[in-house]
């Protein structure tokens, strides 16, 4: 039996003499090969491989296989670009700079099966699509532009405009960013509204802005990815509908259609005269929303004078009447469109705020390019031309009677306890001033900028309406937590693109005639004909001319002074009238 098996193995793998002969010739026979028989599966794979190689040599079959591989790779790429959000509860948009937005994709992919094998790939996350600023090309005139020295005129020591290097309107429009600027940390900002207001706050607040506690105020400065804060209009889910500062439905719809640039202003209490923007391009007239907010008192005065018609437009301005005004102070009411314009225009990208006394004289796109896009900023405001310190500003407000002195002192003491310090040069270069000139605000409506103005409005609602006092504390708290792209420019630059007018009371005072009781009326106008000549008593042979007594006689008479003397001349009479004389007749 053993001989039979040995003969079988020898027949299967070759005779023993032949193996010995191969070893002697230097050919090594594998021990595994001489020990066991190869599996049937291996033979079938070898045959399949040889068959594939044989078919691949043919042109048509090779093209078919190449097409199949390309299709598999294409399907795999589509699968890579598709995936769940990091939280697993939805897809969040992430943009790629210079391209369209794509959804989040997981960094690890383990389900790609191509040609029968599995791969495990680790890919870097795609870069976000945000506007990261730009620089003008070398040699551009605005790169070498410097402010000239102020004129040495001692009679003009106050504020004045200075030159600004704007780009042409067409270039500024072409440089408008296609993507929003990054908003550090905070990505989703929502606003608190409650039907039944809770008045458990320690102090301050209103039915319009709510009554947040000091703990809620402190939490609002703790910046997180998703936040919900008080931001006015707390009595309803949508601003302008039974929330205070209510507006008509067509006005709300019009503001929702503003998807680009918004220029906003306000006049309450008929306090200012409306100013028409000038030097505005045709493109801006078609694409920019010019919104003028007024109250019912101003509306009544404008309709009575025929200035406002039924189409709700005055020049470029769309007139929006706010009803159910939440504050009795017109200055505090004006802070609503000034700081909360993003709540009323939820789809807009940029906004420019102007006080009602200002006239815009530069195209809005040129302003945005100069003060936001070129500086890679999301919030820009001019600094005060004279004061840099909040404490000095507070004393100036008290001296001018801008607000109740006790309320200003309480607000300043509260900020001191929170760490607000006087302005010094140690804050440079990041902070160039603690006091803004708040009549102009240029900003991009991204979450971090909207959060800043919401918290700023909460301070105005809780403390005094003097927003220049509460500006620095809100800015410093945000800058201590995030890299907020914040910019302050010179006040003379602000005066370059806006012209400051007088308030309505001063305009009426200048236009009205002076008081008749204080100033006597001017004398009536003289007729155009010359006045009649004086009549003198004449004699056919002599003319008697009285002499005015003015001192001793200096004529030929040498005697003592005896009073007025009559001189008699035998000559034709002459009457002097000015520089002319008229000869008479005998």
Protein backbone atom coordinates (compact mmCIF):
# COMPACT_ATOMS: atom_id res chain seq x y z
CA UNK A 1 0.00 0.00 0.00
CA UNK A 2 2.82 2.28 0.84
CA UNK A 3 4.54 1.48 -2.44
CA UNK A 4 1.40 2.34 -4.30
CA UNK A 5 1.08 5.63 -2.57
CA UNK A 6 4.70 6.40 -3.22
CA UNK A 7 4.27 5.59 -6.87
CA UNK A 8 1.17 7.83 -6.94
CA UNK A 9 3.04 10.78 -5.44
CA UNK A 10 5.97 10.18 -7.73
CA UNK A 11 3.69 10.15 -10.69
CA UNK A 12 2.03 13.30 -9.53
CA UNK A 13 5.10 15.37 -8.72
CA UNK A 14 7.76 13.63 -10.83
CA UNK A 15 10.09 10.75 -10.12
CA UNK A 16 12.55 10.85 -7.28
CA UNK A 17 15.44 10.48 -9.66
CA UNK A 18 14.31 13.51 -11.62
CA UNK A 19 14.08 15.67 -8.46
CA UNK A 20 17.56 14.62 -7.41
CA UNK A 21 18.81 15.47 -10.86
CA UNK A 22 17.25 18.94 -10.68
CA UNK A 23 18.83 19.58 -7.30
CA UNK A 24 22.20 18.59 -8.65
CA UNK A 25 21.77 21.07 -11.54
CA UNK A 26 21.17 23.93 -9.06
CA UNK A 27 17.37 24.06 -9.25
CA UNK A 28 15.79 24.28 -5.82
CA UNK A 29 12.45 22.61 -5.41
CA UNK A 30 10.20 24.15 -2.87
CA UNK A 31 9.44 22.08 0.15
CA UNK A 32 5.87 23.26 0.07
CA UNK A 33 5.54 22.29 -3.56
CA UNK A 34 6.93 18.82 -2.84
CA UNK A 35 4.81 18.49 0.26
CA UNK A 36 1.28 19.36 -0.86
CA UNK A 37 -0.89 19.90 -3.88
CA UNK A 38 -1.97 23.51 -4.86
CA UNK A 39 -5.61 24.33 -4.18
CA UNK A 40 -8.26 24.33 -6.86
CA UNK A 41 -9.30 27.95 -6.01
CA UNK A 42 -5.77 29.18 -6.81
CA UNK A 43 -5.82 27.51 -10.18
CA UNK A 44 -9.17 29.08 -11.03
CA UNK A 45 -7.91 32.59 -10.10
CA UNK A 46 -4.84 32.05 -12.23
CA UNK A 47 -6.99 31.02 -15.16
CA UNK A 48 -9.29 34.02 -14.61
CA UNK A 49 -6.30 36.37 -14.47
CA UNK A 50 -4.84 34.90 -17.66
CA UNK A 51 -8.23 35.21 -19.35
CA UNK A 52 -8.59 38.87 -18.31
CA UNK A 53 -5.08 39.66 -19.55
CA UNK A 54 -5.84 37.91 -22.81
CA UNK A 55 -9.05 39.93 -23.30
CA UNK A 56 -7.48 43.19 -22.19
CA UNK A 57 -5.12 43.00 -25.08
CA UNK A 58 -7.99 43.50 -27.45
CA UNK A 59 -8.83 47.15 -28.18
CA UNK A 60 -12.59 47.06 -27.66
CA UNK A 61 -12.43 45.04 -24.48
CA UNK A 62 -9.68 47.30 -23.08
CA UNK A 63 -11.74 50.43 -23.72
CA UNK A 64 -14.70 48.81 -22.04
CA UNK A 65 -12.70 47.96 -18.94
CA UNK A 66 -11.25 51.49 -18.85
CA UNK A 67 -14.74 52.99 -19.07
CA UNK A 68 -15.93 50.82 -16.21
CA UNK A 69 -13.02 51.90 -14.04
CA UNK A 70 -13.70 55.60 -14.85
CA UNK A 71 -17.36 55.21 -13.96
CA UNK A 72 -16.44 53.58 -10.65
CA UNK A 73 -14.04 56.39 -9.79
CA UNK A 74 -16.69 59.01 -10.66
CA UNK A 75 -19.24 57.32 -8.38
CA UNK A 76 -16.64 57.18 -5.62
CA UNK A 77 -15.90 60.92 -5.94
CA UNK A 78 -19.60 61.72 -5.71
CA UNK A 79 -19.80 59.63 -2.59
CA UNK A 80 -16.83 61.45 -1.05
CA UNK A 81 -18.55 64.83 -1.54
CA UNK A 82 -21.61 63.56 0.25
CA UNK A 83 -21.96 62.97 3.93
CA UNK A 84 -23.58 63.86 7.21
CA UNK A 85 -22.88 66.90 9.34
CA UNK A 86 -20.52 66.52 12.28
CA UNK A 87 -23.45 66.40 14.69
CA UNK A 88 -25.24 63.85 12.58
CA UNK A 89 -28.50 65.79 12.54
CA UNK A 90 -28.28 67.66 9.25
CA UNK A 91 -26.00 69.15 6.65
CA UNK A 92 -24.38 72.50 7.27
CA UNK A 93 -23.11 74.57 4.42
CA UNK A 94 -19.35 75.03 4.17
CA UNK A 95 -18.01 77.12 1.35
CA UNK A 96 -14.83 76.85 -0.66
CA UNK A 97 -13.04 80.11 -1.48
CA UNK A 98 -13.53 81.03 -5.09
CA UNK A 99 -16.02 78.22 -5.84
CA UNK A 100 -19.57 77.19 -5.07
CA UNK A 101 -20.62 75.88 -1.68
CA UNK A 102 -20.53 72.16 -0.95
CA UNK A 103 -21.72 70.18 2.06
CA UNK A 104 -19.60 68.75 4.83
CA UNK A 105 -17.86 65.44 4.14
CA UNK A 106 -16.42 63.06 6.73
CA UNK A 107 -12.68 62.99 6.92
CA UNK A 108 -12.56 59.18 6.96
CA UNK A 109 -14.09 57.14 4.13
CA UNK A 110 -14.15 53.38 4.48
CA UNK A 111 -16.84 52.21 2.07
CA UNK A 112 -15.21 52.69 -1.32
CA UNK A 113 -15.18 49.43 -3.25
CA UNK A 114 -13.50 49.60 -6.61
CA UNK A 115 -12.66 46.48 -8.66
CA UNK A 116 -13.34 44.19 -5.73
CA UNK A 117 -11.08 45.80 -3.08
CA UNK A 118 -11.78 48.15 -0.15
CA UNK A 119 -9.88 51.33 0.73
CA UNK A 120 -9.66 53.45 3.86
CA UNK A 121 -8.92 57.11 2.95
CA UNK A 122 -8.29 60.09 5.25
CA UNK A 123 -8.98 63.42 3.51
CA UNK A 124 -8.42 66.95 4.89
CA UNK A 125 -11.57 69.06 5.41
CA UNK A 126 -12.35 71.43 2.53
CA UNK A 127 -11.45 75.08 3.11
CA UNK A 128 -14.41 77.36 3.98
CA UNK A 129 -15.69 79.79 1.40
CA UNK A 130 -15.38 83.23 3.02
CA UNK A 131 -14.24 86.65 1.97
CA UNK A 132 -10.74 87.14 3.35
CA UNK A 133 -9.98 90.60 2.01
CA UNK A 134 -7.81 91.79 -0.84
CA UNK A 135 -5.03 94.22 -1.59
CA UNK A 136 -4.91 96.74 -4.39
CA UNK A 137 -2.32 96.08 -7.11
CA UNK A 138 1.16 97.60 -6.70
CA UNK A 139 1.42 101.13 -7.93
CA UNK A 140 -2.28 101.87 -7.35
CA UNK A 141 -2.79 105.55 -6.40
CA UNK A 142 -4.72 104.61 -3.25
CA UNK A 143 -1.74 102.59 -1.93
CA UNK A 144 0.47 105.67 -1.78
CA UNK A 145 -2.32 108.06 -0.73
CA UNK A 146 -1.63 109.99 2.47
CA UNK A 147 -3.66 112.64 4.23
CA UNK A 148 -2.40 116.17 3.65
CA UNK A 149 -1.57 118.31 6.69
CA UNK A 150 -4.51 120.30 8.07
CA UNK A 151 -4.71 123.89 6.88
CA UNK A 152 -2.95 126.32 9.18
CA UNK A 153 -5.95 128.57 9.67
CA UNK A 154 -6.36 129.63 13.30
CA UNK A 155 -9.91 130.75 12.60
CA UNK A 156 -10.99 127.18 11.75
CA UNK A 157 -9.97 124.98 14.64
CA UNK A 158 -13.05 122.74 14.63
CA UNK A 159 -13.78 119.55 12.67
CA UNK A 160 -13.59 119.60 8.89
CA UNK A 161 -13.53 117.07 6.03
CA UNK A 162 -10.33 115.61 4.61
CA UNK A 163 -9.64 113.87 1.28
CA UNK A 164 -10.38 110.15 0.88
CA UNK A 165 -9.11 107.89 -1.91
CA UNK A 166 -12.19 106.16 -3.32
CA UNK A 167 -12.17 103.74 -6.22
CA UNK A 168 -14.36 104.54 -9.24
CA UNK A 169 -17.90 103.30 -8.82
CA UNK A 170 -17.51 100.60 -11.48
CA UNK A 171 -14.39 99.18 -9.82
CA UNK A 172 -15.99 99.26 -6.38
CA UNK A 173 -19.04 97.38 -7.64
CA UNK A 174 -16.82 94.75 -9.32
CA UNK A 175 -14.96 94.17 -6.02
CA UNK A 176 -18.11 93.39 -4.03
CA UNK A 177 -17.42 90.05 -2.27
CA UNK A 178 -19.28 87.01 -3.51
CA UNK A 179 -19.14 85.35 -0.10
CA UNK A 180 -19.65 86.72 3.43
CA UNK A 181 -16.80 87.44 5.79
CA UNK A 182 -16.04 84.81 8.45
CA UNK A 183 -17.88 85.14 11.74
CA UNK A 184 -15.56 83.85 14.48
CA UNK A 185 -17.07 81.19 16.74
CA UNK A 186 -20.70 82.27 16.42
CA UNK A 187 -22.47 80.82 13.40
CA UNK A 188 -26.14 80.81 14.40
CA UNK A 189 -27.75 83.79 16.13
CA UNK A 190 -31.40 83.76 17.17
CA UNK A 191 -33.44 86.27 19.14
CA UNK A 192 -35.54 85.89 22.29
CA UNK A 193 -39.24 86.63 22.14
CA UNK A 194 -41.84 85.99 24.83
CA UNK A 195 -45.52 86.68 24.85
CA UNK A 196 -45.68 87.27 28.61
CA UNK A 197 -42.78 89.47 29.62
CA UNK A 198 -40.98 88.64 32.84
CA UNK A 199 -40.01 91.71 34.87
CA UNK A 200 -37.66 89.92 37.23
CA UNK A 201 -34.65 91.92 36.07
CA UNK A 202 -32.61 93.73 38.67
CA UNK A 203 -32.97 97.11 36.94
CA UNK A 204 -33.57 98.64 33.54
CA UNK A 205 -35.25 97.18 30.50
CA UNK A 206 -38.50 97.86 28.67
CA UNK A 207 -41.42 96.12 27.04
CA UNK A 208 -39.68 96.53 23.70
CA UNK A 209 -36.22 95.23 24.65
CA UNK A 210 -37.30 92.88 27.42
CA UNK A 211 -36.07 92.68 30.99
CA UNK A 212 -32.94 90.52 30.89
CA UNK A 213 -31.34 89.80 34.23
CA UNK A 214 -27.72 90.60 34.94
CA UNK A 215 -26.91 86.89 34.60
CA UNK A 216 -28.50 86.84 31.15
CA UNK A 217 -26.53 89.95 30.30
CA UNK A 218 -23.30 88.27 31.39
CA UNK A 219 -24.10 85.09 29.43
CA UNK A 220 -24.74 87.11 26.28
CA UNK A 221 -21.04 88.08 26.20
CA UNK A 222 -19.96 84.43 26.41
CA UNK A 223 -19.72 83.81 22.66
CA UNK A 224 -20.70 80.34 21.49
CA UNK A 225 -21.43 78.70 18.16
CA UNK A 226 -25.21 79.04 18.64
CA UNK A 227 -26.67 81.83 20.73
CA UNK A 228 -30.06 83.31 21.57
CA UNK A 229 -30.05 86.87 22.93
CA UNK A 230 -32.39 89.77 23.62
CA UNK A 231 -32.45 92.09 20.62
CA UNK A 232 -35.60 94.22 20.76
CA UNK A 233 -39.03 93.27 19.36
CA UNK A 234 -39.38 90.74 22.21
CA UNK A 235 -43.18 90.59 22.11
CA UNK A 236 -43.42 88.72 18.81
CA UNK A 237 -41.60 86.25 16.57
CA UNK A 238 -41.37 88.77 13.74
CA UNK A 239 -40.31 92.40 14.13
CA UNK A 240 -42.88 95.06 13.34
CA UNK A 241 -46.00 93.01 14.07
CA UNK A 242 -47.52 93.92 17.44
CA UNK A 243 -44.06 94.23 18.98
CA UNK A 244 -43.75 97.99 19.27
CA UNK A 245 -42.26 99.96 16.40
CA UNK A 246 -44.96 98.39 14.20
CA UNK A 247 -44.91 98.80 10.41
CA UNK A 248 -47.30 98.15 7.54
CA UNK A 249 -47.26 94.77 5.82
CA UNK A 250 -46.17 96.21 2.49
CA UNK A 251 -43.25 97.91 4.22
CA UNK A 252 -42.23 94.65 5.89
CA UNK A 253 -42.41 92.87 2.55
CA UNK A 254 -40.34 95.58 0.88
CA UNK A 255 -37.61 95.26 3.52
CA UNK A 256 -37.51 91.49 3.12
CA UNK A 257 -36.73 91.96 -0.58
CA UNK A 258 -33.56 93.94 0.24
CA UNK A 259 -30.85 91.38 -0.51
CA UNK A 260 -27.81 93.56 -1.06
CA UNK A 261 -27.03 96.99 0.38
CA UNK A 262 -29.27 99.02 2.70
CA UNK A 263 -28.88 102.73 3.44
CA UNK A 264 -31.04 103.61 6.44
CA UNK A 265 -31.91 106.80 8.30
CA UNK A 266 -34.64 108.05 10.60
CA UNK A 267 -36.43 111.27 11.59
CA UNK A 268 -38.67 111.24 14.67
CA UNK A 269 -40.61 114.10 16.17
CA UNK A 270 -40.22 116.11 12.94
CA UNK A 271 -36.78 116.96 14.29
CA UNK A 272 -34.88 117.11 10.97
CA UNK A 273 -35.48 117.93 7.33
CA UNK A 274 -35.10 115.07 4.88
CA UNK A 275 -31.92 115.17 2.78
CA UNK A 276 -31.77 113.64 -0.69
CA UNK A 277 -28.61 111.57 -1.42
CA UNK A 278 -26.43 112.94 -4.21
CA UNK A 279 -23.69 111.56 -6.48
CA UNK A 280 -25.40 108.17 -6.50
CA UNK A 281 -24.82 105.93 -9.54
CA UNK A 282 -27.64 104.47 -11.59
CA UNK A 283 -26.63 100.98 -10.46
CA UNK A 284 -27.01 102.01 -6.83
CA UNK A 285 -30.38 103.58 -7.52
CA UNK A 286 -31.56 100.19 -8.84
CA UNK A 287 -29.94 97.86 -6.31
CA UNK A 288 -29.62 99.77 -3.01
CA UNK A 289 -32.56 100.04 -0.58
CA UNK A 290 -32.84 103.60 0.79
CA UNK A 291 -35.05 103.36 3.90
CA UNK A 292 -36.22 106.41 5.88
CA UNK A 293 -38.05 105.61 9.15
CA UNK A 294 -40.41 108.24 10.55
CA UNK A 295 -43.11 108.42 13.21
CA UNK A 296 -46.72 109.52 12.88
CA UNK A 297 -45.95 113.08 13.96
CA UNK A 298 -43.44 113.49 11.16
CA UNK A 299 -45.79 111.81 8.70
CA UNK A 300 -48.57 114.25 9.57
CA UNK A 301 -46.31 117.26 9.07
CA UNK A 302 -44.96 116.00 5.75
CA UNK A 303 -48.40 115.20 4.37
CA UNK A 304 -49.73 118.59 5.44
CA UNK A 305 -46.90 120.30 3.57
CA UNK A 306 -47.39 118.12 0.48
CA UNK A 307 -43.93 116.60 0.81
CA UNK A 308 -45.19 113.02 1.24
CA UNK A 309 -47.70 111.51 -1.17
CA UNK A 310 -49.47 108.19 -1.37
CA UNK A 311 -46.58 106.34 -3.02
CA UNK A 312 -44.45 106.46 0.17
CA UNK A 313 -41.45 107.85 -1.65
CA UNK A 314 -39.48 111.08 -1.44
CA UNK A 315 -36.74 110.98 -4.02
CA UNK A 316 -34.68 107.85 -3.46
CA UNK A 317 -36.05 107.31 0.05
CA UNK A 318 -38.71 104.72 0.80
CA UNK A 319 -40.68 106.25 3.68
CA UNK A 320 -41.58 103.71 6.38
CA UNK A 321 -43.93 104.92 9.12
CA UNK A 322 -43.37 103.30 12.52
CA UNK A 323 -46.43 103.16 14.77
CA UNK A 324 -46.84 102.21 18.42
CA UNK A 325 -43.50 103.85 19.27
CA UNK A 326 -42.08 102.08 22.35
CA UNK A 327 -40.23 105.08 23.86
CA UNK A 328 -41.23 108.63 24.68
CA UNK A 329 -37.67 109.83 24.03
CA UNK A 330 -37.16 110.35 20.29
CA UNK A 331 -33.40 109.88 20.66
CA UNK A 332 -33.88 106.43 22.20
CA UNK A 333 -36.40 105.51 19.50
CA UNK A 334 -33.84 106.41 16.86
CA UNK A 335 -31.52 103.69 18.18
CA UNK A 336 -33.94 101.01 16.94
CA UNK A 337 -33.27 101.36 13.19
CA UNK A 338 -29.72 102.49 13.93
CA UNK A 339 -28.65 99.33 15.79
CA UNK A 340 -31.33 96.79 14.82
CA UNK A 341 -31.58 97.28 11.06
CA UNK A 342 -30.54 93.63 10.58
CA UNK A 343 -33.73 92.51 12.28
CA UNK A 344 -35.93 94.44 9.86
CA UNK A 345 -33.92 93.53 6.73
CA UNK A 346 -33.07 89.86 7.39
CA UNK A 347 -31.82 89.15 3.85
CA UNK A 348 -29.54 92.17 3.39
CA UNK A 349 -25.74 91.80 3.33
CA UNK A 350 -24.49 95.32 4.12
CA UNK A 351 -25.92 98.41 5.77
CA UNK A 352 -24.96 102.08 6.06
CA UNK A 353 -26.62 104.08 8.82
CA UNK A 354 -26.93 107.88 8.61
CA UNK A 355 -28.40 110.22 11.19
CA UNK A 356 -31.35 112.24 9.90
CA UNK A 357 -29.33 115.48 9.82
CA UNK A 358 -26.79 114.06 7.32
CA UNK A 359 -26.78 114.18 3.52
CA UNK A 360 -25.04 111.34 1.67
CA UNK A 361 -22.76 112.70 -1.08
CA UNK A 362 -20.76 109.57 -2.11
CA UNK A 363 -21.99 106.37 -3.76
CA UNK A 364 -22.72 103.58 -1.21
CA UNK A 365 -20.52 101.02 -3.01
CA UNK A 366 -17.54 103.36 -2.82
CA UNK A 367 -18.08 103.74 0.93
CA UNK A 368 -18.30 99.98 1.48
CA UNK A 369 -15.19 99.34 -0.59
CA UNK A 370 -13.14 101.99 1.20
CA UNK A 371 -14.12 101.30 4.83
CA UNK A 372 -15.05 97.57 4.84
CA UNK A 373 -13.78 95.47 1.93
CA UNK A 374 -10.37 97.08 1.53
CA UNK A 375 -9.76 96.88 5.30
CA UNK A 376 -11.25 93.36 5.62
CA UNK A 377 -13.60 94.62 8.35
CA UNK A 378 -17.17 93.71 9.27
CA UNK A 379 -17.91 96.80 11.38
CA UNK A 380 -16.63 100.35 10.82
CA UNK A 381 -17.44 103.56 12.68
CA UNK A 382 -15.75 106.95 12.91
CA UNK A 383 -14.07 108.05 16.10
CA UNK A 384 -14.87 111.32 17.84
CA UNK A 385 -12.84 114.22 16.48
CA UNK A 386 -11.94 115.54 19.93
CA UNK A 387 -12.65 113.08 22.76
CA UNK A 388 -11.13 109.61 23.19
CA UNK A 389 -12.07 108.76 26.78
CA UNK A 390 -15.50 107.52 27.91
CA UNK A 391 -15.22 109.31 31.23
CA UNK A 392 -14.49 112.61 29.49
CA UNK A 393 -17.44 111.97 27.16
CA UNK A 394 -19.71 111.37 30.14
CA UNK A 395 -18.72 114.68 31.73
CA UNK A 396 -19.31 116.47 28.42
CA UNK A 397 -22.83 114.98 28.25
CA UNK A 398 -23.55 116.15 31.77
CA UNK A 399 -22.29 119.65 31.04
CA UNK A 400 -24.42 119.89 27.90
CA UNK A 401 -27.53 118.55 29.65
CA UNK A 402 -27.86 115.63 27.24
CA UNK A 403 -29.28 113.35 29.94
CA UNK A 404 -30.00 113.20 33.64
CA UNK A 405 -26.69 113.51 35.47
CA UNK A 406 -27.54 110.93 38.12
CA UNK A 407 -28.31 108.31 35.46
CA UNK A 408 -25.01 109.01 33.68
CA UNK A 409 -23.09 108.70 36.96
CA UNK A 410 -24.82 105.40 37.76
CA UNK A 411 -23.93 103.96 34.35
CA UNK A 412 -20.29 105.06 34.58
CA UNK A 413 -19.93 103.62 38.11
CA UNK A 414 -21.40 100.32 36.91
CA UNK A 415 -18.90 100.12 34.04
CA UNK A 416 -16.01 100.96 36.37
CA UNK A 417 -16.88 97.94 38.51
CA UNK A 418 -16.82 95.81 35.33
CA UNK A 419 -13.29 96.91 34.54
CA UNK A 420 -13.69 99.88 32.20
CA UNK A 421 -10.58 102.05 32.40
CA UNK A 422 -9.73 105.49 31.01
CA UNK A 423 -8.23 105.59 27.56
CA UNK A 424 -4.46 105.58 27.34
CA UNK A 425 -1.90 105.02 24.61
CA UNK A 426 -1.34 101.53 25.98
CA UNK A 427 -4.50 100.46 24.10
CA UNK A 428 -2.85 101.27 20.78
CA UNK A 429 -2.68 100.06 18.05
CA UNK A 430 -5.70 97.78 18.34
CA UNK A 431 -7.94 100.39 19.96
CA UNK A 432 -7.49 103.96 18.75
CA UNK A 433 -10.41 105.50 20.66
CA UNK A 434 -13.11 104.63 23.19
CA UNK A 435 -15.56 107.28 21.96
CA UNK A 436 -17.21 107.00 18.52
CA UNK A 437 -19.01 109.59 16.45
CA UNK A 438 -22.05 107.40 16.15
CA UNK A 439 -23.95 109.29 13.46
CA UNK A 440 -22.55 106.93 10.76
CA UNK A 441 -22.18 103.13 11.00
CA UNK A 442 -20.94 100.95 8.12
CA UNK A 443 -21.21 97.19 8.67
CA UNK A 444 -21.62 93.77 7.18
CA UNK A 445 -24.65 91.88 8.48
CA UNK A 446 -22.90 88.70 9.67
CA UNK A 447 -23.63 86.99 13.03
CA UNK A 448 -20.75 88.57 14.97
CA UNK A 449 -21.66 92.08 13.78
CA UNK A 450 -25.35 91.51 14.52
CA UNK A 451 -24.47 90.25 18.00
CA UNK A 452 -22.45 93.39 18.68
CA UNK A 453 -25.29 95.78 17.79
CA UNK A 454 -27.82 93.66 19.71
CA UNK A 455 -25.75 93.84 22.89
CA UNK A 456 -25.11 97.54 22.28
CA UNK A 457 -28.86 98.17 22.01
CA UNK A 458 -29.43 96.22 25.24
CA UNK A 459 -27.12 98.66 27.03
CA UNK A 460 -29.02 101.62 25.57
CA UNK A 461 -32.29 100.01 26.67
CA UNK A 462 -31.06 99.29 30.21
CA UNK A 463 -29.08 102.48 30.92
CA UNK A 464 -29.12 105.93 29.28
CA UNK A 465 -29.81 106.57 25.59
CA UNK A 466 -26.29 108.03 25.12
CA UNK A 467 -24.87 105.21 23.00
CA UNK A 468 -21.41 106.81 22.94
CA UNK A 469 -21.05 105.95 26.63
CA UNK A 470 -21.98 102.25 26.27
CA UNK A 471 -20.02 101.63 23.07
CA UNK A 472 -16.60 100.83 24.56
CA UNK A 473 -17.77 98.32 27.18
CA UNK A 474 -19.55 96.14 24.61
CA UNK A 475 -16.67 96.33 22.14
CA UNK A 476 -14.05 95.42 24.75
CA UNK A 477 -16.02 92.43 26.01
CA UNK A 478 -16.32 91.02 22.49
CA UNK A 479 -12.71 91.73 21.55
CA UNK A 480 -11.53 89.90 24.67
CA UNK A 481 -13.14 86.70 23.39
CA UNK A 482 -12.95 86.75 19.56
CA UNK A 483 -10.97 88.38 16.80
CA UNK A 484 -13.74 90.75 15.83
CA UNK A 485 -12.86 92.53 12.55
CA UNK A 486 -13.55 95.99 13.89
CA UNK A 487 -12.34 99.31 12.44
CA UNK A 488 -12.51 102.99 13.43
CA UNK A 489 -11.71 105.69 10.90
CA UNK A 490 -11.08 109.39 11.21
CA UNK A 491 -13.96 111.79 11.75
CA UNK A 492 -12.68 113.98 8.89
CA UNK A 493 -13.09 110.96 6.58
CA UNK A 494 -16.69 110.64 7.68
CA UNK A 495 -17.27 114.29 6.90
CA UNK A 496 -15.98 113.58 3.40
CA UNK A 497 -18.95 111.41 2.37
CA UNK A 498 -21.70 113.07 4.45
CA UNK A 499 -22.64 116.72 4.85
CA UNK A 500 -24.01 117.74 8.22
CA UNK A 501 -27.10 119.95 8.17
CA UNK A 502 -28.97 121.85 10.87
CA UNK A 503 -31.85 120.46 12.89
CA UNK A 504 -35.34 121.60 12.00
CA UNK A 505 -35.62 124.14 14.82
CA UNK A 506 -32.42 125.89 13.75
CA UNK A 507 -33.50 125.83 10.10
CA UNK A 508 -36.82 127.48 10.97
CA UNK A 509 -35.05 130.03 13.12
CA UNK A 510 -32.72 130.92 10.25
CA UNK A 511 -35.55 131.13 7.72
CA UNK A 512 -38.03 133.09 9.86
CA UNK A 513 -37.89 136.95 9.93
CA UNK A 514 -36.50 138.61 13.07
CA UNK A 515 -38.77 139.60 15.92
CA UNK A 516 -40.52 142.94 15.25
CA UNK A 517 -40.49 143.90 18.93
CA UNK A 518 -36.75 143.46 19.26
CA UNK A 519 -35.68 145.01 15.96
CA UNK A 520 -37.24 148.13 14.49
CA UNK A 521 -38.53 147.77 10.94
CA UNK A 522 -36.29 149.13 8.22
CA UNK A 523 -37.15 152.57 6.78
CA UNK A 524 -39.29 152.65 3.66
CA UNK A 525 -37.51 152.64 0.35
CA UNK A 526 -36.87 156.08 -1.17
CA UNK A 527 -38.43 156.78 -4.57
CA UNK A 528 -36.33 156.48 -7.63
CA UNK A 529 -36.72 160.21 -8.44
CA UNK A 530 -34.14 162.53 -6.87
CA UNK A 531 -35.27 164.45 -3.79
CA UNK A 532 -36.39 168.08 -4.23
CA UNK A 533 -33.77 170.78 -4.03
CA UNK A 534 -33.57 172.89 -0.89
CA UNK A 535 -35.29 176.28 -1.05
CA UNK A 536 -33.21 179.23 0.02
CA UNK A 537 -34.24 182.81 0.60
CA UNK A 538 -32.70 184.89 -2.19
CA UNK A 539 -32.44 188.52 -3.11
CA UNK A 540 -32.05 189.82 -6.65
CA UNK A 541 -28.64 191.18 -5.84
CA UNK A 542 -27.50 189.23 -2.84
CA UNK A 543 -27.82 185.81 -1.22
CA UNK A 544 -27.89 185.40 2.56
CA UNK A 545 -26.08 182.23 3.66
CA UNK A 546 -25.99 181.45 7.38
CA UNK A 547 -22.60 180.63 8.80
CA UNK A 548 -22.27 177.79 11.30
CA UNK A 549 -20.64 178.80 14.53
CA UNK A 550 -17.63 176.58 14.94
CA UNK A 551 -14.88 178.74 16.44
CA UNK A 552 -13.25 182.13 16.16
CA UNK A 553 -13.52 184.05 12.99
CA UNK A 554 -10.60 183.35 10.68
CA UNK A 555 -11.56 185.77 7.91
CA UNK A 556 -10.25 189.24 7.22
CA UNK A 557 -12.09 190.69 10.24
CA UNK A 558 -9.60 191.35 13.02
CA UNK A 559 -11.89 192.60 15.72
CA UNK A 560 -13.25 190.74 18.74
CA UNK A 561 -15.77 187.96 18.43
CA UNK A 562 -19.33 189.27 18.35
CA UNK A 563 -21.41 186.23 17.57
CA UNK A 564 -22.70 185.01 14.20
CA UNK A 565 -21.70 187.11 11.25
CA UNK A 566 -23.54 187.56 7.99
CA UNK A 567 -21.45 187.74 4.86
CA UNK A 568 -22.89 189.53 1.89
CA UNK A 569 -21.61 188.66 -1.55
CA UNK A 570 -22.68 190.30 -4.77
CA UNK A 571 -22.71 187.29 -7.00
CA UNK A 572 -25.09 184.95 -8.65
CA UNK A 573 -26.77 182.53 -6.23
CA UNK A 574 -25.43 178.95 -6.10
CA UNK A 575 -26.89 175.92 -4.40
CA UNK A 576 -24.55 173.00 -3.63
CA UNK A 577 -26.12 169.52 -3.82
CA UNK A 578 -23.59 166.89 -3.06
CA UNK A 579 -20.71 167.31 -5.49
CA UNK A 580 -22.90 169.19 -7.95
CA UNK A 581 -23.93 172.75 -7.99
CA UNK A 582 -26.93 174.39 -9.57
CA UNK A 583 -26.63 178.05 -10.63
CA UNK A 584 -29.59 180.30 -10.14
CA UNK A 585 -30.73 183.42 -12.01
CA UNK A 586 -31.01 187.02 -10.90
